[in-house]
Amino acid sequence: MSTKFKVITEPTSEPVSLTEFKQYARIDFTNSDNDAVCSALLQSSRKYLEGLLGRALATQTILAEYIIDAPQVGPLSGSIDTEPNWYHYLQELGANPFGIAMFYFDLPMPPLQSVTSVSYQYTVFDTDPNNPSSYGYWTPFTGVYVPDYTREPGRIWFQDPPTVYRWQFEYVAGYGAGNAPAVLPYNIRQLIKEVAAFWYDNREGDPLPKGIQQKLIDMQWSV
């Protein structure tokens, strides 16, 4: 199963304020000439850490898509199952041979705040009921699903989902709000400021110092 996602609504505020950053970087508060530059660096630093850590550090709306892979096949052996895949069991056997199974999807970029919508496609040729000539229609899922906000990454549980080609999830992720509010860890908050401050002082594209690089490496293993 393959996954891809994108941010469709950017954060309206950064986890580190402009005032906090200017105090950390020892930038003159009475001079607002560089405020736009500082704000851009804070945003860039936050997005840089999000890419490294795989976490949403500020509240944002994400659209994730899962494509259900076809069973692996060999020219002589036929279908080869490398690991249990309940969707293939459901499709090939018509029912789950082990009783009621819990289907789930893990949503990238934790922490999960809320789930906005769930939809699916049987094929890329699905059409809009109100416009049969429009392909690529996503059918809203009207069944029961249960989001798990305390798990990381956030997970959506299904009891009896249809066997389809693609699933799409729109949800809100980030620290500070939602169904299971999480506080942005201090060490991440500090690194946002450290990276932004280095970029502020070194605008020629110099690589990050080894000390900051090591902190980033350590943090990837700790979060």
N, C-alpha and C. Protein backbone atom coordinates (compact mmCIF):
# COMPACT_ATOMS: atom_id res chain seq x y z
N MET A 1 0.84 -1.18 0.00
CA MET A 1 0.00 0.00 0.00
C MET A 1 0.89 1.24 0.00
N SER A 2 0.63 2.13 -0.93
CA SER A 2 1.44 3.34 -1.05
C SER A 2 0.67 4.54 -0.50
N THR A 3 1.43 5.52 -0.04
CA THR A 3 0.85 6.69 0.61
C THR A 3 1.48 7.96 0.08
N LYS A 4 0.66 8.98 -0.06
CA LYS A 4 1.17 10.31 -0.36
C LYS A 4 0.26 11.33 0.34
N PHE A 5 0.82 12.49 0.65
CA PHE A 5 0.02 13.51 1.33
C PHE A 5 0.55 14.89 0.98
N LYS A 6 -0.29 15.89 1.24
CA LYS A 6 0.10 17.28 1.02
C LYS A 6 -0.65 18.17 2.00
N VAL A 7 -0.05 19.30 2.30
CA VAL A 7 -0.69 20.29 3.16
C VAL A 7 -1.59 21.16 2.29
N ILE A 8 -2.88 21.23 2.63
CA ILE A 8 -3.81 22.02 1.82
C ILE A 8 -4.19 23.33 2.51
N THR A 9 -3.95 23.42 3.81
CA THR A 9 -4.14 24.68 4.53
C THR A 9 -2.96 24.88 5.47
N GLU A 10 -2.16 25.91 5.20
CA GLU A 10 -0.97 26.17 6.01
C GLU A 10 -1.37 26.71 7.39
N PRO A 11 -0.47 26.60 8.36
CA PRO A 11 -0.74 27.16 9.68
C PRO A 11 -0.99 28.66 9.62
N THR A 12 -1.90 29.14 10.46
CA THR A 12 -2.16 30.58 10.52
C THR A 12 -1.23 31.28 11.51
N SER A 13 -0.53 30.50 12.34
CA SER A 13 0.45 31.07 13.27
C SER A 13 1.56 30.07 13.48
N GLU A 14 2.74 30.58 13.79
CA GLU A 14 3.90 29.74 14.00
C GLU A 14 4.03 29.37 15.48
N PRO A 15 4.62 28.21 15.79
CA PRO A 15 4.78 27.82 17.19
C PRO A 15 5.74 28.71 17.96
N VAL A 16 6.67 29.36 17.27
CA VAL A 16 7.58 30.32 17.88
C VAL A 16 7.21 31.71 17.38
N SER A 17 6.88 32.61 18.30
CA SER A 17 6.46 33.95 17.91
C SER A 17 7.65 34.79 17.47
N LEU A 18 7.35 35.86 16.76
CA LEU A 18 8.40 36.77 16.30
C LEU A 18 9.12 37.39 17.49
N THR A 19 8.36 37.76 18.52
CA THR A 19 8.97 38.37 19.71
C THR A 19 9.92 37.41 20.40
N GLU A 20 9.48 36.15 20.55
CA GLU A 20 10.33 35.15 21.19
C GLU A 20 11.60 34.92 20.40
N PHE A 21 11.48 34.88 19.09
CA PHE A 21 12.67 34.64 18.26
C PHE A 21 13.63 35.82 18.33
N LYS A 22 13.13 37.04 18.26
CA LYS A 22 14.01 38.21 18.28
C LYS A 22 14.74 38.30 19.62
N GLN A 23 14.06 37.91 20.70
CA GLN A 23 14.73 37.90 21.99
C GLN A 23 15.83 36.85 22.02
N TYR A 24 15.54 35.65 21.45
CA TYR A 24 16.55 34.58 21.43
C TYR A 24 17.75 34.98 20.56
N ALA A 25 17.48 35.55 19.40
CA ALA A 25 18.54 35.88 18.44
C ALA A 25 19.20 37.23 18.73
N ARG A 26 18.76 37.91 19.79
CA ARG A 26 19.32 39.21 20.19
C ARG A 26 19.21 40.23 19.06
N ILE A 27 18.01 40.31 18.52
CA ILE A 27 17.72 41.27 17.46
C ILE A 27 17.01 42.48 18.09
N ASP A 28 17.40 43.66 17.69
CA ASP A 28 16.86 44.90 18.25
C ASP A 28 15.34 44.93 18.10
N PHE A 29 14.63 45.04 19.23
CA PHE A 29 13.17 45.05 19.20
C PHE A 29 12.62 46.33 18.58
N THR A 30 13.39 47.42 18.71
CA THR A 30 12.90 48.70 18.19
C THR A 30 13.03 48.81 16.68
N ASN A 31 13.75 47.86 16.08
CA ASN A 31 13.94 47.88 14.62
C ASN A 31 13.08 46.79 13.99
N SER A 32 12.08 47.22 13.25
CA SER A 32 11.17 46.26 12.62
C SER A 32 11.48 46.02 11.15
N ASP A 33 12.63 46.54 10.69
CA ASP A 33 12.96 46.41 9.28
C ASP A 33 13.09 44.95 8.84
N ASN A 34 13.57 44.09 9.76
CA ASN A 34 13.80 42.69 9.40
C ASN A 34 12.70 41.75 9.89
N ASP A 35 11.57 42.32 10.32
CA ASP A 35 10.50 41.46 10.85
C ASP A 35 9.98 40.48 9.80
N ALA A 36 9.86 40.94 8.57
CA ALA A 36 9.37 40.06 7.50
C ALA A 36 10.37 38.93 7.24
N VAL A 37 11.67 39.27 7.29
CA VAL A 37 12.70 38.25 7.09
C VAL A 37 12.66 37.23 8.23
N CYS A 38 12.55 37.73 9.46
CA CYS A 38 12.51 36.83 10.63
C CYS A 38 11.30 35.90 10.57
N SER A 39 10.16 36.44 10.20
CA SER A 39 8.94 35.62 10.11
C SER A 39 9.09 34.53 9.05
N ALA A 40 9.69 34.89 7.91
CA ALA A 40 9.91 33.91 6.85
C ALA A 40 10.88 32.82 7.29
N LEU A 41 11.92 33.21 8.04
CA LEU A 41 12.89 32.23 8.52
C LEU A 41 12.27 31.29 9.55
N LEU A 42 11.41 31.81 10.40
CA LEU A 42 10.72 30.95 11.37
C LEU A 42 9.84 29.93 10.66
N GLN A 43 9.13 30.38 9.63
CA GLN A 43 8.30 29.46 8.86
C GLN A 43 9.15 28.42 8.15
N SER A 44 10.24 28.85 7.55
CA SER A 44 11.12 27.92 6.84
C SER A 44 11.76 26.92 7.80
N SER A 45 12.17 27.39 8.98
CA SER A 45 12.76 26.50 9.97
C SER A 45 11.76 25.47 10.45
N ARG A 46 10.53 25.92 10.71
CA ARG A 46 9.49 24.98 11.15
C ARG A 46 9.22 23.92 10.08
N LYS A 47 9.11 24.33 8.83
CA LYS A 47 8.85 23.37 7.75
C LYS A 47 10.05 22.44 7.55
N TYR A 48 11.24 22.95 7.73
CA TYR A 48 12.44 22.13 7.61
C TYR A 48 12.44 21.01 8.65
N LEU A 49 12.12 21.36 9.89
CA LEU A 49 12.06 20.35 10.95
C LEU A 49 10.90 19.38 10.74
N GLU A 50 9.78 19.88 10.21
CA GLU A 50 8.65 18.99 9.92
C GLU A 50 9.06 17.91 8.92
N GLY A 51 9.83 18.31 7.90
CA GLY A 51 10.28 17.35 6.91
C GLY A 51 11.21 16.31 7.50
N LEU A 52 12.08 16.73 8.42
CA LEU A 52 13.02 15.79 9.03
C LEU A 52 12.35 14.87 10.04
N LEU A 53 11.44 15.43 10.84
CA LEU A 53 10.84 14.67 11.93
C LEU A 53 9.56 13.94 11.51
N GLY A 54 8.96 14.34 10.39
CA GLY A 54 7.70 13.71 9.98
C GLY A 54 6.57 14.05 10.93
N ARG A 55 6.56 15.28 11.46
CA ARG A 55 5.55 15.71 12.42
C ARG A 55 5.04 17.10 12.04
N ALA A 56 3.77 17.35 12.34
CA ALA A 56 3.19 18.67 12.12
C ALA A 56 3.43 19.50 13.37
N LEU A 57 4.27 20.51 13.28
CA LEU A 57 4.65 21.30 14.44
C LEU A 57 3.71 22.47 14.69
N ALA A 58 2.81 22.74 13.76
CA ALA A 58 1.79 23.78 13.92
C ALA A 58 0.51 23.28 13.27
N THR A 59 -0.63 23.80 13.71
CA THR A 59 -1.92 23.33 13.21
C THR A 59 -2.06 23.57 11.72
N GLN A 60 -2.36 22.52 10.97
CA GLN A 60 -2.48 22.58 9.51
C GLN A 60 -3.43 21.49 9.03
N THR A 61 -3.98 21.70 7.85
CA THR A 61 -4.90 20.73 7.27
C THR A 61 -4.16 19.92 6.21
N ILE A 62 -4.28 18.60 6.30
CA ILE A 62 -3.53 17.69 5.43
C ILE A 62 -4.50 16.82 4.65
N LEU A 63 -4.15 16.53 3.41
CA LEU A 63 -4.91 15.60 2.57
C LEU A 63 -4.00 14.42 2.26
N ALA A 64 -4.35 13.23 2.77
CA ALA A 64 -3.55 12.03 2.56
C ALA A 64 -4.30 11.04 1.69
N GLU A 65 -3.56 10.31 0.86
CA GLU A 65 -4.16 9.34 -0.05
C GLU A 65 -3.43 8.02 0.05
N TYR A 66 -4.20 6.95 0.14
CA TYR A 66 -3.65 5.59 0.18
C TYR A 66 -4.13 4.84 -1.06
N ILE A 67 -3.18 4.19 -1.72
CA ILE A 67 -3.51 3.35 -2.88
C ILE A 67 -3.29 1.90 -2.48
N ILE A 68 -4.33 1.10 -2.60
CA ILE A 68 -4.25 -0.31 -2.24
C ILE A 68 -3.52 -1.06 -3.35
N ASP A 69 -2.36 -1.63 -3.03
CA ASP A 69 -1.56 -2.33 -4.03
C ASP A 69 -2.22 -3.63 -4.45
N ALA A 70 -2.01 -3.97 -5.71
CA ALA A 70 -2.47 -5.28 -6.18
C ALA A 70 -1.58 -6.37 -5.60
N PRO A 71 -2.10 -7.59 -5.40
CA PRO A 71 -1.28 -8.68 -4.87
C PRO A 71 -0.06 -8.93 -5.77
N GLN A 72 1.06 -9.24 -5.16
CA GLN A 72 2.26 -9.56 -5.92
C GLN A 72 2.07 -10.89 -6.66
N VAL A 73 2.59 -10.95 -7.86
CA VAL A 73 2.49 -12.18 -8.65
C VAL A 73 3.83 -12.51 -9.27
N GLY A 74 4.05 -13.78 -9.48
CA GLY A 74 5.24 -14.25 -10.16
C GLY A 74 4.83 -14.94 -11.45
N PRO A 75 5.73 -15.03 -12.45
CA PRO A 75 5.37 -15.63 -13.74
C PRO A 75 4.99 -17.11 -13.62
N LEU A 76 5.52 -17.81 -12.60
CA LEU A 76 5.21 -19.23 -12.45
C LEU A 76 4.38 -19.51 -11.20
N SER A 77 4.69 -18.82 -10.13
CA SER A 77 4.05 -19.15 -8.86
C SER A 77 2.70 -18.49 -8.66
N GLY A 78 2.40 -17.42 -9.46
CA GLY A 78 1.15 -16.72 -9.25
C GLY A 78 1.24 -15.78 -8.08
N SER A 79 0.12 -15.61 -7.38
CA SER A 79 0.05 -14.65 -6.30
C SER A 79 1.00 -15.01 -5.16
N ILE A 80 1.75 -14.00 -4.67
CA ILE A 80 2.69 -14.20 -3.57
C ILE A 80 2.35 -13.18 -2.48
N ASP A 81 1.97 -13.65 -1.32
CA ASP A 81 1.67 -12.76 -0.21
C ASP A 81 2.91 -12.62 0.67
N THR A 82 3.48 -11.42 0.72
CA THR A 82 4.67 -11.21 1.54
C THR A 82 4.31 -11.02 3.01
N GLU A 83 3.11 -10.59 3.30
CA GLU A 83 2.63 -10.43 4.66
C GLU A 83 1.11 -10.40 4.63
N PRO A 84 0.47 -10.63 5.76
CA PRO A 84 -1.00 -10.61 5.76
C PRO A 84 -1.53 -9.27 5.28
N ASN A 85 -2.44 -9.31 4.32
CA ASN A 85 -3.07 -8.11 3.80
C ASN A 85 -4.57 -8.34 3.82
N TRP A 86 -5.24 -7.73 4.79
CA TRP A 86 -6.66 -8.04 4.98
C TRP A 86 -7.51 -7.62 3.80
N TYR A 87 -7.09 -6.61 3.08
CA TYR A 87 -7.88 -6.22 1.92
C TYR A 87 -7.85 -7.30 0.84
N HIS A 88 -6.71 -7.95 0.69
CA HIS A 88 -6.62 -9.02 -0.29
C HIS A 88 -7.39 -10.25 0.19
N TYR A 89 -7.36 -10.52 1.50
CA TYR A 89 -8.18 -11.61 2.02
C TYR A 89 -9.66 -11.34 1.73
N LEU A 90 -10.08 -10.13 1.99
CA LEU A 90 -11.48 -9.79 1.79
C LEU A 90 -11.86 -9.89 0.32
N GLN A 91 -10.96 -9.48 -0.54
CA GLN A 91 -11.23 -9.49 -1.97
C GLN A 91 -11.18 -10.90 -2.54
N GLU A 92 -10.18 -11.67 -2.13
CA GLU A 92 -9.97 -12.97 -2.74
C GLU A 92 -10.85 -14.06 -2.13
N LEU A 93 -11.14 -13.96 -0.84
CA LEU A 93 -11.92 -15.00 -0.18
C LEU A 93 -13.38 -14.60 0.02
N GLY A 94 -13.67 -13.32 -0.13
CA GLY A 94 -15.05 -12.89 0.01
C GLY A 94 -15.44 -12.59 1.44
N ALA A 95 -14.64 -13.03 2.41
CA ALA A 95 -14.91 -12.76 3.82
C ALA A 95 -13.64 -13.01 4.59
N ASN A 96 -13.57 -12.46 5.76
CA ASN A 96 -12.41 -12.66 6.61
C ASN A 96 -12.52 -14.02 7.29
N PRO A 97 -11.58 -14.94 7.06
CA PRO A 97 -11.70 -16.29 7.63
C PRO A 97 -11.49 -16.33 9.14
N PHE A 98 -11.06 -15.24 9.75
CA PHE A 98 -10.76 -15.25 11.18
C PHE A 98 -11.76 -14.44 11.99
N GLY A 99 -12.93 -14.21 11.46
CA GLY A 99 -13.94 -13.46 12.20
C GLY A 99 -13.80 -11.97 11.95
N ILE A 100 -14.33 -11.18 12.86
CA ILE A 100 -14.33 -9.73 12.70
C ILE A 100 -12.90 -9.20 12.81
N ALA A 101 -12.47 -8.47 11.79
CA ALA A 101 -11.13 -7.89 11.78
C ALA A 101 -11.22 -6.38 11.88
N MET A 102 -10.21 -5.77 12.43
CA MET A 102 -10.15 -4.33 12.54
C MET A 102 -9.26 -3.78 11.43
N PHE A 103 -9.85 -3.06 10.50
CA PHE A 103 -9.08 -2.42 9.45
C PHE A 103 -8.67 -1.04 9.93
N TYR A 104 -7.52 -0.57 9.48
CA TYR A 104 -7.09 0.75 9.93
C TYR A 104 -6.15 1.39 8.92
N PHE A 105 -6.04 2.71 9.03
CA PHE A 105 -5.06 3.49 8.28
C PHE A 105 -4.34 4.39 9.28
N ASP A 106 -3.02 4.46 9.17
CA ASP A 106 -2.23 5.39 9.96
C ASP A 106 -2.04 6.68 9.16
N LEU A 107 -2.32 7.81 9.79
CA LEU A 107 -2.26 9.09 9.10
C LEU A 107 -0.92 9.78 9.36
N PRO A 108 -0.23 10.19 8.30
CA PRO A 108 1.09 10.82 8.48
C PRO A 108 1.00 12.19 9.13
N MET A 109 2.14 12.64 9.63
CA MET A 109 2.31 13.97 10.23
C MET A 109 1.52 14.14 11.53
N PRO A 110 1.84 13.32 12.55
CA PRO A 110 1.19 13.51 13.85
C PRO A 110 1.70 14.79 14.52
N PRO A 111 0.99 15.23 15.60
CA PRO A 111 -0.18 14.61 16.23
C PRO A 111 -1.49 14.95 15.50
N LEU A 112 -2.42 13.99 15.53
CA LEU A 112 -3.72 14.15 14.88
C LEU A 112 -4.66 14.94 15.79
N GLN A 113 -5.29 15.97 15.22
CA GLN A 113 -6.25 16.78 15.98
C GLN A 113 -7.69 16.39 15.71
N SER A 114 -8.05 16.26 14.44
CA SER A 114 -9.42 15.92 14.07
C SER A 114 -9.46 15.41 12.64
N VAL A 115 -10.48 14.65 12.32
CA VAL A 115 -10.68 14.12 10.97
C VAL A 115 -11.85 14.86 10.33
N THR A 116 -11.61 15.45 9.17
CA THR A 116 -12.63 16.26 8.50
C THR A 116 -13.50 15.41 7.59
N SER A 117 -12.88 14.55 6.79
CA SER A 117 -13.66 13.74 5.85
C SER A 117 -12.87 12.51 5.44
N VAL A 118 -13.63 11.47 5.01
CA VAL A 118 -13.06 10.23 4.49
C VAL A 118 -13.80 9.91 3.20
N SER A 119 -13.07 9.59 2.15
CA SER A 119 -13.69 9.26 0.87
C SER A 119 -12.86 8.20 0.17
N TYR A 120 -13.42 7.64 -0.91
CA TYR A 120 -12.74 6.54 -1.59
C TYR A 120 -13.09 6.52 -3.06
N GLN A 121 -12.31 5.75 -3.82
CA GLN A 121 -12.56 5.50 -5.24
C GLN A 121 -12.47 4.01 -5.50
N TYR A 122 -13.42 3.48 -6.26
CA TYR A 122 -13.30 2.09 -6.72
C TYR A 122 -12.28 2.02 -7.85
N THR A 123 -12.36 2.98 -8.76
CA THR A 123 -11.39 3.09 -9.85
C THR A 123 -11.21 4.57 -10.16
N VAL A 124 -10.19 4.90 -10.96
CA VAL A 124 -10.00 6.29 -11.35
C VAL A 124 -11.08 6.75 -12.31
N PHE A 125 -11.92 5.82 -12.78
CA PHE A 125 -12.99 6.16 -13.70
C PHE A 125 -14.32 6.38 -13.00
N ASP A 126 -14.30 6.43 -11.66
CA ASP A 126 -15.53 6.74 -10.92
C ASP A 126 -16.05 8.10 -11.37
N THR A 127 -17.37 8.20 -11.57
CA THR A 127 -17.96 9.44 -12.07
C THR A 127 -18.83 10.10 -11.01
N ASP A 128 -18.96 11.39 -11.14
CA ASP A 128 -19.82 12.18 -10.26
C ASP A 128 -21.28 11.86 -10.61
N PRO A 129 -22.11 11.45 -9.64
CA PRO A 129 -23.52 11.14 -9.94
C PRO A 129 -24.25 12.31 -10.59
N ASN A 130 -23.82 13.53 -10.28
CA ASN A 130 -24.48 14.70 -10.86
C ASN A 130 -23.84 15.14 -12.17
N ASN A 131 -22.73 14.51 -12.53
CA ASN A 131 -22.05 14.86 -13.78
C ASN A 131 -21.33 13.62 -14.31
N PRO A 132 -22.05 12.73 -14.99
CA PRO A 132 -21.48 11.45 -15.43
C PRO A 132 -20.25 11.58 -16.32
N SER A 133 -20.04 12.72 -16.92
CA SER A 133 -18.87 12.89 -17.79
C SER A 133 -17.62 13.30 -17.03
N SER A 134 -17.75 13.49 -15.70
CA SER A 134 -16.62 13.91 -14.87
C SER A 134 -16.04 12.70 -14.15
N TYR A 135 -14.80 12.34 -14.51
CA TYR A 135 -14.15 11.17 -13.91
C TYR A 135 -13.31 11.57 -12.69
N GLY A 136 -12.88 10.55 -11.95
CA GLY A 136 -12.06 10.79 -10.78
C GLY A 136 -12.85 11.23 -9.57
N TYR A 137 -14.12 10.85 -9.48
CA TYR A 137 -14.97 11.27 -8.37
C TYR A 137 -14.63 10.49 -7.11
N TRP A 138 -14.59 11.22 -6.00
CA TRP A 138 -14.35 10.61 -4.70
C TRP A 138 -15.69 10.45 -3.98
N THR A 139 -16.04 9.22 -3.63
CA THR A 139 -17.29 8.94 -2.94
C THR A 139 -17.12 9.14 -1.44
N PRO A 140 -17.93 9.99 -0.81
CA PRO A 140 -17.81 10.16 0.65
C PRO A 140 -18.12 8.84 1.37
N PHE A 141 -17.30 8.49 2.35
CA PHE A 141 -17.54 7.29 3.14
C PHE A 141 -18.56 7.62 4.22
N THR A 142 -19.68 6.90 4.23
CA THR A 142 -20.77 7.18 5.17
C THR A 142 -20.85 6.13 6.27
N GLY A 143 -19.92 5.17 6.27
CA GLY A 143 -19.93 4.15 7.30
C GLY A 143 -19.32 4.66 8.60
N VAL A 144 -19.09 3.73 9.51
CA VAL A 144 -18.56 4.08 10.83
C VAL A 144 -17.04 3.96 10.84
N TYR A 145 -16.38 4.99 11.32
CA TYR A 145 -14.93 4.92 11.56
C TYR A 145 -14.64 5.61 12.89
N VAL A 146 -13.56 5.17 13.53
CA VAL A 146 -13.22 5.69 14.85
C VAL A 146 -11.77 6.19 14.82
N PRO A 147 -11.56 7.50 14.91
CA PRO A 147 -10.18 8.02 14.97
C PRO A 147 -9.57 7.77 16.35
N ASP A 148 -8.29 7.42 16.35
CA ASP A 148 -7.53 7.26 17.59
C ASP A 148 -6.56 8.43 17.67
N TYR A 149 -6.90 9.41 18.50
CA TYR A 149 -6.12 10.64 18.57
C TYR A 149 -4.91 10.51 19.49
N THR A 150 -4.92 9.56 20.38
CA THR A 150 -3.82 9.44 21.34
C THR A 150 -2.65 8.64 20.77
N ARG A 151 -2.90 7.87 19.72
CA ARG A 151 -1.84 7.07 19.12
C ARG A 151 -1.01 7.93 18.18
N GLU A 152 0.27 7.58 18.04
CA GLU A 152 1.14 8.27 17.08
C GLU A 152 1.84 7.25 16.20
N PRO A 153 1.65 7.37 14.88
CA PRO A 153 0.79 8.37 14.25
C PRO A 153 -0.69 8.11 14.52
N GLY A 154 -1.52 9.14 14.31
CA GLY A 154 -2.95 8.98 14.50
C GLY A 154 -3.49 7.87 13.60
N ARG A 155 -4.48 7.17 14.08
CA ARG A 155 -5.00 6.02 13.34
C ARG A 155 -6.52 6.12 13.21
N ILE A 156 -7.03 5.67 12.05
CA ILE A 156 -8.48 5.58 11.85
C ILE A 156 -8.84 4.10 11.73
N TRP A 157 -9.76 3.66 12.60
CA TRP A 157 -10.20 2.27 12.62
C TRP A 157 -11.51 2.12 11.86
N PHE A 158 -11.59 1.05 11.05
CA PHE A 158 -12.82 0.68 10.35
C PHE A 158 -13.18 -0.75 10.75
N GLN A 159 -14.47 -1.03 10.80
CA GLN A 159 -14.87 -2.41 11.06
C GLN A 159 -15.21 -3.15 9.77
N ASP A 160 -15.83 -2.46 8.81
CA ASP A 160 -16.24 -3.14 7.58
C ASP A 160 -16.13 -2.18 6.40
N PRO A 161 -14.91 -1.81 5.99
CA PRO A 161 -14.76 -0.89 4.87
C PRO A 161 -14.95 -1.61 3.53
N PRO A 162 -15.38 -0.90 2.50
CA PRO A 162 -15.47 -1.52 1.18
C PRO A 162 -14.08 -1.79 0.62
N THR A 163 -13.97 -2.77 -0.25
CA THR A 163 -12.70 -3.07 -0.92
C THR A 163 -12.59 -2.16 -2.14
N VAL A 164 -11.75 -1.15 -2.04
CA VAL A 164 -11.67 -0.13 -3.08
C VAL A 164 -10.21 0.08 -3.49
N TYR A 165 -10.05 0.93 -4.50
CA TYR A 165 -8.73 1.18 -5.07
C TYR A 165 -7.95 2.23 -4.29
N ARG A 166 -8.64 3.32 -3.91
CA ARG A 166 -7.95 4.41 -3.22
C ARG A 166 -8.80 4.97 -2.08
N TRP A 167 -8.11 5.39 -1.03
CA TRP A 167 -8.75 6.08 0.09
C TRP A 167 -8.15 7.46 0.22
N GLN A 168 -8.98 8.42 0.65
CA GLN A 168 -8.51 9.79 0.83
C GLN A 168 -9.01 10.30 2.18
N PHE A 169 -8.09 10.93 2.93
CA PHE A 169 -8.42 11.44 4.26
C PHE A 169 -8.02 12.92 4.34
N GLU A 170 -8.96 13.73 4.77
CA GLU A 170 -8.66 15.13 5.07
C GLU A 170 -8.74 15.31 6.58
N TYR A 171 -7.70 15.86 7.16
CA TYR A 171 -7.66 15.96 8.61
C TYR A 171 -6.80 17.13 9.05
N VAL A 172 -6.95 17.49 10.32
CA VAL A 172 -6.18 18.56 10.92
C VAL A 172 -5.14 17.95 11.85
N ALA A 173 -3.90 18.39 11.73
CA ALA A 173 -2.81 17.87 12.55
C ALA A 173 -1.99 19.02 13.12
N GLY A 174 -1.27 18.73 14.18
CA GLY A 174 -0.40 19.74 14.77
C GLY A 174 -0.52 19.78 16.28
N TYR A 175 0.39 20.51 16.89
CA TYR A 175 0.41 20.63 18.35
C TYR A 175 -0.52 21.74 18.83
N GLY A 176 -1.03 21.56 20.05
CA GLY A 176 -1.68 22.66 20.73
C GLY A 176 -3.18 22.68 20.75
N ALA A 177 -3.87 21.83 19.99
CA ALA A 177 -5.34 21.87 19.95
C ALA A 177 -5.86 20.49 19.55
N GLY A 178 -7.17 20.41 19.37
CA GLY A 178 -7.78 19.17 18.88
C GLY A 178 -8.30 18.29 19.99
N ASN A 179 -8.60 17.03 19.63
CA ASN A 179 -9.22 16.09 20.55
C ASN A 179 -8.27 15.57 21.62
N ALA A 180 -6.98 15.58 21.34
CA ALA A 180 -5.98 15.15 22.32
C ALA A 180 -4.82 16.14 22.27
N PRO A 181 -5.02 17.35 22.83
CA PRO A 181 -4.01 18.42 22.70
C PRO A 181 -2.64 17.98 23.20
N ALA A 182 -1.63 18.29 22.40
CA ALA A 182 -0.25 17.97 22.77
C ALA A 182 0.57 19.26 22.76
N VAL A 183 1.45 19.39 23.72
CA VAL A 183 2.31 20.57 23.81
C VAL A 183 3.59 20.32 23.01
N LEU A 184 3.96 21.31 22.21
CA LEU A 184 5.19 21.17 21.42
C LEU A 184 6.37 21.01 22.37
N PRO A 185 7.14 19.90 22.23
CA PRO A 185 8.28 19.68 23.13
C PRO A 185 9.27 20.84 23.09
N TYR A 186 9.84 21.12 24.25
CA TYR A 186 10.76 22.26 24.36
C TYR A 186 11.96 22.12 23.43
N ASN A 187 12.50 20.89 23.31
CA ASN A 187 13.70 20.73 22.49
C ASN A 187 13.41 21.01 21.01
N ILE A 188 12.20 20.70 20.55
CA ILE A 188 11.85 21.03 19.17
C ILE A 188 11.68 22.54 19.02
N ARG A 189 11.02 23.16 19.99
CA ARG A 189 10.83 24.61 19.97
C ARG A 189 12.19 25.32 19.94
N GLN A 190 13.12 24.81 20.72
CA GLN A 190 14.45 25.41 20.77
C GLN A 190 15.17 25.25 19.43
N LEU A 191 15.03 24.12 18.80
CA LEU A 191 15.70 23.89 17.52
C LEU A 191 15.15 24.78 16.42
N ILE A 192 13.85 25.05 16.45
CA ILE A 192 13.28 25.97 15.47
C ILE A 192 14.00 27.32 15.56
N LYS A 193 14.23 27.78 16.78
CA LYS A 193 14.91 29.07 16.98
C LYS A 193 16.38 28.98 16.58
N GLU A 194 17.04 27.87 16.92
CA GLU A 194 18.45 27.74 16.59
C GLU A 194 18.67 27.74 15.08
N VAL A 195 17.87 26.99 14.36
CA VAL A 195 18.02 26.92 12.90
C VAL A 195 17.71 28.28 12.28
N ALA A 196 16.62 28.91 12.71
CA ALA A 196 16.25 30.22 12.15
C ALA A 196 17.32 31.27 12.46
N ALA A 197 17.88 31.24 13.68
CA ALA A 197 18.92 32.20 14.04
C ALA A 197 20.18 32.02 13.20
N PHE A 198 20.54 30.76 12.94
CA PHE A 198 21.73 30.52 12.09
C PHE A 198 21.48 31.04 10.69
N TRP A 199 20.30 30.76 10.15
CA TRP A 199 19.98 31.26 8.81
C TRP A 199 19.94 32.78 8.77
N TYR A 200 19.52 33.40 9.86
CA TYR A 200 19.49 34.86 9.91
C TYR A 200 20.90 35.45 9.82
N ASP A 201 21.83 34.80 10.50
CA ASP A 201 23.22 35.29 10.51
C ASP A 201 24.03 34.81 9.32
N ASN A 202 23.56 33.80 8.62
CA ASN A 202 24.32 33.23 7.49
C ASN A 202 23.37 33.09 6.31
N ARG A 203 23.28 34.12 5.53
CA ARG A 203 22.30 34.17 4.44
C ARG A 203 22.89 33.75 3.10
N GLU A 204 24.10 33.21 3.13
CA GLU A 204 24.72 32.78 1.88
C GLU A 204 24.50 31.29 1.61
N GLY A 205 23.70 30.64 2.43
CA GLY A 205 23.42 29.23 2.21
C GLY A 205 24.42 28.29 2.83
N ASP A 206 25.13 28.74 3.88
CA ASP A 206 26.09 27.87 4.56
C ASP A 206 25.36 26.70 5.21
N PRO A 207 26.02 25.52 5.26
CA PRO A 207 25.38 24.37 5.91
C PRO A 207 25.25 24.60 7.41
N LEU A 208 24.28 23.93 8.02
CA LEU A 208 24.09 24.06 9.46
C LEU A 208 25.31 23.55 10.20
N PRO A 209 25.65 24.15 11.34
CA PRO A 209 26.79 23.68 12.13
C PRO A 209 26.60 22.23 12.57
N LYS A 210 27.70 21.54 12.81
CA LYS A 210 27.63 20.13 13.20
C LYS A 210 26.85 19.93 14.49
N GLY A 211 26.93 20.91 15.40
CA GLY A 211 26.19 20.79 16.65
C GLY A 211 24.69 20.72 16.42
N ILE A 212 24.18 21.59 15.56
CA ILE A 212 22.75 21.58 15.24
C ILE A 212 22.39 20.32 14.46
N GLN A 213 23.26 19.93 13.52
CA GLN A 213 23.00 18.71 12.76
C GLN A 213 22.89 17.49 13.67
N GLN A 214 23.76 17.41 14.67
CA GLN A 214 23.72 16.27 15.59
C GLN A 214 22.44 16.29 16.42
N LYS A 215 21.99 17.47 16.83
CA LYS A 215 20.73 17.57 17.57
C LYS A 215 19.57 17.08 16.71
N LEU A 216 19.60 17.42 15.43
CA LEU A 216 18.53 16.98 14.53
C LEU A 216 18.55 15.46 14.38
N ILE A 217 19.74 14.89 14.26
CA ILE A 217 19.86 13.44 14.13
C ILE A 217 19.35 12.75 15.41
N ASP A 218 19.76 13.26 16.56
CA ASP A 218 19.31 12.69 17.82
C ASP A 218 17.80 12.77 17.97
N MET A 219 17.23 13.89 17.53
CA MET A 219 15.80 14.10 17.69
C MET A 219 15.00 13.16 16.80
N GLN A 220 15.54 12.82 15.64
CA GLN A 220 14.83 11.89 14.75
C GLN A 220 14.62 10.55 15.42
N TRP A 221 15.51 10.18 16.34
CA TRP A 221 15.39 8.90 17.04
C TRP A 221 14.56 8.99 18.30
N SER A 222 14.31 10.23 18.77
CA SER A 222 13.65 10.38 20.07
C SER A 222 12.20 10.78 19.99
N VAL A 223 11.71 11.14 18.79
CA VAL A 223 10.31 11.56 18.69
C VAL A 223 9.53 10.56 17.85
